[in-house]
Amino acid sequence: MLDYRTGLICAVIANVNRNPKKRHTPFKPSDFMPKREFEESKVQNPEQMMQKIKLINAAMGGKVQER
């Protein structure tokens, strides 16, 4: 919701300053909203989750303790 409000404000400002000869279509609020790729990604299985956890752990200097 807050992204839409911010996008709407940005679209209004951009459209007020838009040159209609160069850009025929007005800006939309969605043009200024971040794309949420993580919401569109598919569901991970436990093995994929564990692999990502191990990568993050290694990137942060952690050690793997096997039981």
PDB file of N, CA and C in Angstrom:
ATOM      1  N   MET A   1       0.829  -1.189   0.000  1.00  0.00           N
ATOM      2  CA  MET A   1       0.000   0.000   0.000  1.00  0.00           C
ATOM      3  C   MET A   1       0.870   1.247   0.000  1.00  0.00           C
ATOM      4  N   LEU A   2       1.909   1.245   0.822  1.00  0.00           N
ATOM      5  CA  LEU A   2       2.773   2.425   0.872  1.00  0.00           C
ATOM      6  C   LEU A   2       3.562   2.588  -0.426  1.00  0.00           C
ATOM      7  N   ASP A   3       3.897   1.458  -1.068  1.00  0.00           N
ATOM      8  CA  ASP A   3       4.588   1.539  -2.345  1.00  0.00           C
ATOM      9  C   ASP A   3       3.706   2.208  -3.387  1.00  0.00           C
ATOM     10  N   TYR A   4       2.409   1.906  -3.350  1.00  0.00           N
ATOM     11  CA  TYR A   4       1.491   2.502  -4.323  1.00  0.00           C
ATOM     12  C   TYR A   4       1.377   4.004  -4.093  1.00  0.00           C
ATOM     13  N   ARG A   5       1.279   4.408  -2.851  1.00  0.00           N
ATOM     14  CA  ARG A   5       1.169   5.848  -2.558  1.00  0.00           C
ATOM     15  C   ARG A   5       2.409   6.594  -3.023  1.00  0.00           C
ATOM     16  N   THR A   6       3.563   6.032  -2.750  1.00  0.00           N
ATOM     17  CA  THR A   6       4.810   6.653  -3.196  1.00  0.00           C
ATOM     18  C   THR A   6       4.885   6.667  -4.715  1.00  0.00           C
ATOM     19  N   GLY A   7       4.497   5.582  -5.352  1.00  0.00           N
ATOM     20  CA  GLY A   7       4.484   5.514  -6.810  1.00  0.00           C
ATOM     21  C   GLY A   7       3.535   6.529  -7.412  1.00  0.00           C
ATOM     22  N   LEU A   8       2.387   6.734  -6.762  1.00  0.00           N
ATOM     23  CA  LEU A   8       1.409   7.701  -7.239  1.00  0.00           C
ATOM     24  C   LEU A   8       1.974   9.122  -7.184  1.00  0.00           C
ATOM     25  N   ILE A   9       2.619   9.463  -6.097  1.00  0.00           N
ATOM     26  CA  ILE A   9       3.240  10.789  -5.970  1.00  0.00           C
ATOM     27  C   ILE A   9       4.309  10.980  -7.042  1.00  0.00           C
ATOM     28  N   CYS A  10       5.149   9.973  -7.233  1.00  0.00           N
ATOM     29  CA  CYS A  10       6.199  10.057  -8.254  1.00  0.00           C
ATOM     30  C   CYS A  10       5.605  10.184  -9.650  1.00  0.00           C
ATOM     31  N   ALA A  11       4.531   9.452  -9.919  1.00  0.00           N
ATOM     32  CA  ALA A  11       3.888   9.511 -11.236  1.00  0.00           C
ATOM     33  C   ALA A  11       3.296  10.884 -11.491  1.00  0.00           C
ATOM     34  N   VAL A  12       2.678  11.482 -10.477  1.00  0.00           N
ATOM     35  CA  VAL A  12       2.114  12.818 -10.636  1.00  0.00           C
ATOM     36  C   VAL A  12       3.214  13.828 -10.944  1.00  0.00           C
ATOM     37  N   ILE A  13       4.300  13.773 -10.196  1.00  0.00           N
ATOM     38  CA  ILE A  13       5.411  14.707 -10.431  1.00  0.00           C
ATOM     39  C   ILE A  13       6.005  14.500 -11.816  1.00  0.00           C
ATOM     40  N   ALA A  14       6.193  13.245 -12.208  1.00  0.00           N
ATOM     41  CA  ALA A  14       6.768  12.953 -13.522  1.00  0.00           C
ATOM     42  C   ALA A  14       5.830  13.393 -14.646  1.00  0.00           C
ATOM     43  N   ASN A  15       4.536  13.191 -14.469  1.00  0.00           N
ATOM     44  CA  ASN A  15       3.579  13.564 -15.508  1.00  0.00           C
ATOM     45  C   ASN A  15       3.435  15.076 -15.651  1.00  0.00           C
ATOM     46  N   VAL A  16       3.566  15.801 -14.548  1.00  0.00           N
ATOM     47  CA  VAL A  16       3.512  17.261 -14.622  1.00  0.00           C
ATOM     48  C   VAL A  16       4.699  17.791 -15.432  1.00  0.00           C
ATOM     49  N   ASN A  17       5.838  17.141 -15.303  1.00  0.00           N
ATOM     50  CA  ASN A  17       7.050  17.578 -15.996  1.00  0.00           C
ATOM     51  C   ASN A  17       7.311  16.826 -17.293  1.00  0.00           C
ATOM     52  N   ARG A  18       6.395  15.963 -17.710  1.00  0.00           N
ATOM     53  CA  ARG A  18       6.563  15.137 -18.904  1.00  0.00           C
ATOM     54  C   ARG A  18       6.371  15.973 -20.164  1.00  0.00           C
ATOM     55  N   ASN A  19       7.207  15.716 -21.146  1.00  0.00           N
ATOM     56  CA  ASN A  19       7.048  16.329 -22.465  1.00  0.00           C
ATOM     57  C   ASN A  19       6.174  15.389 -23.301  1.00  0.00           C
ATOM     58  N   PRO A  20       4.920  15.772 -23.573  1.00  0.00           N
ATOM     59  CA  PRO A  20       4.023  14.865 -24.289  1.00  0.00           C
ATOM     60  C   PRO A  20       4.461  14.567 -25.719  1.00  0.00           C
ATOM     61  N   LYS A  21       5.330  15.378 -26.272  1.00  0.00           N
ATOM     62  CA  LYS A  21       5.822  15.113 -27.629  1.00  0.00           C
ATOM     63  C   LYS A  21       6.852  13.986 -27.622  1.00  0.00           C
ATOM     64  N   LYS A  22       7.623  13.891 -26.543  1.00  0.00           N
ATOM     65  CA  LYS A  22       8.643  12.842 -26.441  1.00  0.00           C
ATOM     66  C   LYS A  22       8.080  11.564 -25.832  1.00  0.00           C
ATOM     67  N   ARG A  23       7.208  11.702 -24.876  1.00  0.00           N
ATOM     68  CA  ARG A  23       6.589  10.529 -24.225  1.00  0.00           C
ATOM     69  C   ARG A  23       5.082  10.692 -24.310  1.00  0.00           C
ATOM     70  N   HIS A  24       4.480   9.928 -25.180  1.00  0.00           N
ATOM     71  CA  HIS A  24       3.049  10.062 -25.432  1.00  0.00           C
ATOM     72  C   HIS A  24       2.200   9.511 -24.293  1.00  0.00           C
ATOM     73  N   THR A  25       2.624   8.400 -23.717  1.00  0.00           N
ATOM     74  CA  THR A  25       1.836   7.784 -22.648  1.00  0.00           C
ATOM     75  C   THR A  25       2.261   8.330 -21.291  1.00  0.00           C
ATOM     76  N   PRO A  26       1.303   8.638 -20.439  1.00  0.00           N
ATOM     77  CA  PRO A  26       1.664   9.131 -19.108  1.00  0.00           C
ATOM     78  C   PRO A  26       2.259   8.027 -18.236  1.00  0.00           C
ATOM     79  N   PHE A  27       2.997   8.430 -17.235  1.00  0.00           N
ATOM     80  CA  PHE A  27       3.577   7.486 -16.284  1.00  0.00           C
ATOM     81  C   PHE A  27       2.470   6.911 -15.407  1.00  0.00           C
ATOM     82  N   LYS A  28       2.657   5.686 -14.944  1.00  0.00           N
ATOM     83  CA  LYS A  28       1.742   5.028 -14.030  1.00  0.00           C
ATOM     84  C   LYS A  28       2.455   4.848 -12.687  1.00  0.00           C
ATOM     85  N   PRO A  29       1.711   4.748 -11.609  1.00  0.00           N
ATOM     86  CA  PRO A  29       2.360   4.501 -10.307  1.00  0.00           C
ATOM     87  C   PRO A  29       3.231   3.252 -10.310  1.00  0.00           C
ATOM     88  N   SER A  30       2.836   2.234 -11.063  1.00  0.00           N
ATOM     89  CA  SER A  30       3.612   0.986 -11.092  1.00  0.00           C
ATOM     90  C   SER A  30       4.984   1.180 -11.747  1.00  0.00           C
ATOM     91  N   ASP A  31       5.146   2.232 -12.539  1.00  0.00           N
ATOM     92  CA  ASP A  31       6.454   2.521 -13.136  1.00  0.00           C
ATOM     93  C   ASP A  31       7.489   2.886 -12.078  1.00  0.00           C
ATOM     94  N   PHE A  32       7.027   3.301 -10.917  1.00  0.00           N
ATOM     95  CA  PHE A  32       7.928   3.749  -9.854  1.00  0.00           C
ATOM     96  C   PHE A  32       7.927   2.828  -8.643  1.00  0.00           C
ATOM     97  N   MET A  33       7.271   1.692  -8.757  1.00  0.00           N
ATOM     98  CA  MET A  33       7.216   0.749  -7.653  1.00  0.00           C
ATOM     99  C   MET A  33       8.235  -0.355  -7.860  1.00  0.00           C
ATOM    100  N   PRO A  34       8.888  -0.809  -6.788  1.00  0.00           N
ATOM    101  CA  PRO A  34       9.882  -1.877  -6.937  1.00  0.00           C
ATOM    102  C   PRO A  34       9.229  -3.186  -7.351  1.00  0.00           C
ATOM    103  N   LYS A  35       9.948  -3.941  -8.130  1.00  0.00           N
ATOM    104  CA  LYS A  35       9.469  -5.257  -8.537  1.00  0.00           C
ATOM    105  C   LYS A  35       9.761  -6.233  -7.412  1.00  0.00           C
ATOM    106  N   ARG A  36       8.809  -7.010  -7.062  1.00  0.00           N
ATOM    107  CA  ARG A  36       8.966  -7.962  -5.961  1.00  0.00           C
ATOM    108  C   ARG A  36       9.133  -9.355  -6.524  1.00  0.00           C
ATOM    109  N   GLU A  37      10.353  -9.645  -6.912  1.00  0.00           N
ATOM    110  CA  GLU A  37      10.643 -10.934  -7.534  1.00  0.00           C
ATOM    111  C   GLU A  37      10.497 -12.079  -6.544  1.00  0.00           C
ATOM    112  N   PHE A  38      10.804 -11.816  -5.275  1.00  0.00           N
ATOM    113  CA  PHE A  38      10.755 -12.891  -4.302  1.00  0.00           C
ATOM    114  C   PHE A  38       9.329 -13.386  -4.080  1.00  0.00           C
ATOM    115  N   GLU A  39       8.322 -12.556  -4.301  1.00  0.00           N
ATOM    116  CA  GLU A  39       6.942 -12.995  -4.144  1.00  0.00           C
ATOM    117  C   GLU A  39       6.504 -13.868  -5.309  1.00  0.00           C
ATOM    118  N   GLU A  40       7.133 -13.678  -6.470  1.00  0.00           N
ATOM    119  CA  GLU A  40       6.736 -14.413  -7.650  1.00  0.00           C
ATOM    120  C   GLU A  40       7.505 -15.717  -7.822  1.00  0.00           C
ATOM    121  N   SER A  41       8.506 -15.935  -7.002  1.00  0.00           N
ATOM    122  CA  SER A  41       9.311 -17.139  -7.159  1.00  0.00           C
ATOM    123  C   SER A  41       8.535 -18.363  -6.667  1.00  0.00           C
ATOM    124  N   LYS A  42       8.934 -19.520  -7.158  1.00  0.00           N
ATOM    125  CA  LYS A  42       8.225 -20.741  -6.789  1.00  0.00           C
ATOM    126  C   LYS A  42       8.618 -21.182  -5.377  1.00  0.00           C
ATOM    127  N   VAL A  43       7.838 -22.025  -4.813  1.00  0.00           N
ATOM    128  CA  VAL A  43       8.076 -22.544  -3.472  1.00  0.00           C
ATOM    129  C   VAL A  43       9.275 -23.481  -3.514  1.00  0.00           C
ATOM    130  N   GLN A  44      10.143 -23.359  -2.501  1.00  0.00           N
ATOM    131  CA  GLN A  44      11.340 -24.193  -2.438  1.00  0.00           C
ATOM    132  C   GLN A  44      11.059 -25.457  -1.639  1.00  0.00           C
ATOM    133  N   ASN A  45      11.764 -26.520  -2.017  1.00  0.00           N
ATOM    134  CA  ASN A  45      11.677 -27.736  -1.213  1.00  0.00           C
ATOM    135  C   ASN A  45      12.743 -27.657  -0.118  1.00  0.00           C
ATOM    136  N   PRO A  46      12.706 -28.541   0.870  1.00  0.00           N
ATOM    137  CA  PRO A  46      13.660 -28.468   1.985  1.00  0.00           C
ATOM    138  C   PRO A  46      15.130 -28.531   1.557  1.00  0.00           C
ATOM    139  N   GLU A  47      15.446 -29.307   0.520  1.00  0.00           N
ATOM    140  CA  GLU A  47      16.835 -29.404   0.062  1.00  0.00           C
ATOM    141  C   GLU A  47      17.321 -28.065  -0.500  1.00  0.00           C
ATOM    142  N   GLN A  48      16.461 -27.387  -1.251  1.00  0.00           N
ATOM    143  CA  GLN A  48      16.823 -26.081  -1.808  1.00  0.00           C
ATOM    144  C   GLN A  48      17.009 -25.052  -0.695  1.00  0.00           C
ATOM    145  N   MET A  49      16.165 -25.116   0.314  1.00  0.00           N
ATOM    146  CA  MET A  49      16.290 -24.206   1.454  1.00  0.00           C
ATOM    147  C   MET A  49      17.613 -24.421   2.186  1.00  0.00           C
ATOM    148  N   MET A  50      17.943 -25.695   2.410  1.00  0.00           N
ATOM    149  CA  MET A  50      19.183 -26.011   3.115  1.00  0.00           C
ATOM    150  C   MET A  50      20.390 -25.542   2.320  1.00  0.00           C
ATOM    151  N   GLN A  51      20.363 -25.696   1.004  1.00  0.00           N
ATOM    152  CA  GLN A  51      21.464 -25.248   0.167  1.00  0.00           C
ATOM    153  C   GLN A  51      21.656 -23.738   0.284  1.00  0.00           C
ATOM    154  N   LYS A  52      20.568 -22.971   0.282  1.00  0.00           N
ATOM    155  CA  LYS A  52      20.669 -21.512   0.429  1.00  0.00           C
ATOM    156  C   LYS A  52      21.186 -21.134   1.810  1.00  0.00           C
ATOM    157  N   ILE A  53      20.735 -21.853   2.830  1.00  0.00           N
ATOM    158  CA  ILE A  53      21.212 -21.585   4.189  1.00  0.00           C
ATOM    159  C   ILE A  53      22.718 -21.825   4.282  1.00  0.00           C
ATOM    160  N   LYS A  54      23.187 -22.906   3.671  1.00  0.00           N
ATOM    161  CA  LYS A  54      24.621 -23.198   3.689  1.00  0.00           C
ATOM    162  C   LYS A  54      25.414 -22.134   2.946  1.00  0.00           C
ATOM    163  N   LEU A  55      24.892 -21.627   1.834  1.00  0.00           N
ATOM    164  CA  LEU A  55      25.583 -20.565   1.086  1.00  0.00           C
ATOM    165  C   LEU A  55      25.668 -19.280   1.906  1.00  0.00           C
ATOM    166  N   ILE A  56      24.571 -18.916   2.558  1.00  0.00           N
ATOM    167  CA  ILE A  56      24.572 -17.711   3.390  1.00  0.00           C
ATOM    168  C   ILE A  56      25.521 -17.887   4.568  1.00  0.00           C
ATOM    169  N   ASN A  57      25.493 -19.066   5.175  1.00  0.00           N
ATOM    170  CA  ASN A  57      26.375 -19.359   6.302  1.00  0.00           C
ATOM    171  C   ASN A  57      27.845 -19.244   5.884  1.00  0.00           C
ATOM    172  N   ALA A  58      28.191 -19.804   4.719  1.00  0.00           N
ATOM    173  CA  ALA A  58      29.573 -19.737   4.242  1.00  0.00           C
ATOM    174  C   ALA A  58      29.961 -18.308   3.898  1.00  0.00           C
ATOM    175  N   ALA A  59      29.056 -17.548   3.330  1.00  0.00           N
ATOM    176  CA  ALA A  59      29.350 -16.156   2.967  1.00  0.00           C
ATOM    177  C   ALA A  59      29.613 -15.303   4.196  1.00  0.00           C
ATOM    178  N   MET A  60      29.007 -15.661   5.319  1.00  0.00           N
ATOM    179  CA  MET A  60      29.182 -14.891   6.552  1.00  0.00           C
ATOM    180  C   MET A  60      30.277 -15.462   7.438  1.00  0.00           C
ATOM    181  N   GLY A  61      31.001 -16.434   6.913  1.00  0.00           N
ATOM    182  CA  GLY A  61      32.138 -16.988   7.649  1.00  0.00           C
ATOM    183  C   GLY A  61      31.756 -18.043   8.670  1.00  0.00           C
ATOM    184  N   GLY A  62      30.579 -18.589   8.560  1.00  0.00           N
ATOM    185  CA  GLY A  62      30.150 -19.616   9.491  1.00  0.00           C
ATOM    186  C   GLY A  62      30.724 -20.982   9.181  1.00  0.00           C
ATOM    187  N   LYS A  63      30.627 -21.879  10.138  1.00  0.00           N
ATOM    188  CA  LYS A  63      31.118 -23.236   9.948  1.00  0.00           C
ATOM    189  C   LYS A  63      29.948 -24.193  10.028  1.00  0.00           C
ATOM    190  N   VAL A  64      30.013 -25.243   9.224  1.00  0.00           N
ATOM    191  CA  VAL A  64      28.951 -26.252   9.215  1.00  0.00           C
ATOM    192  C   VAL A  64      29.277 -27.306  10.259  1.00  0.00           C
ATOM    193  N   GLN A  65      28.334 -27.555  11.151  1.00  0.00           N
ATOM    194  CA  GLN A  65      28.508 -28.584  12.169  1.00  0.00           C
ATOM    195  C   GLN A  65      27.546 -29.713  11.846  1.00  0.00           C
ATOM    196  N   GLU A  66      28.090 -30.813  11.403  1.00  0.00           N
ATOM    197  CA  GLU A  66      27.274 -31.979  11.088  1.00  0.00           C
ATOM    198  C   GLU A  66      27.012 -32.764  12.371  1.00  0.00           C
ATOM    199  N   ARG A  67      25.849 -33.316  12.507  1.00  0.00           N
ATOM    200  CA  ARG A  67      25.514 -34.089  13.707  1.00  0.00           C
ATOM    201  C   ARG A  67      25.709 -35.543  13.468  1.00  0.00           C
TER     202      ARG A  67
END
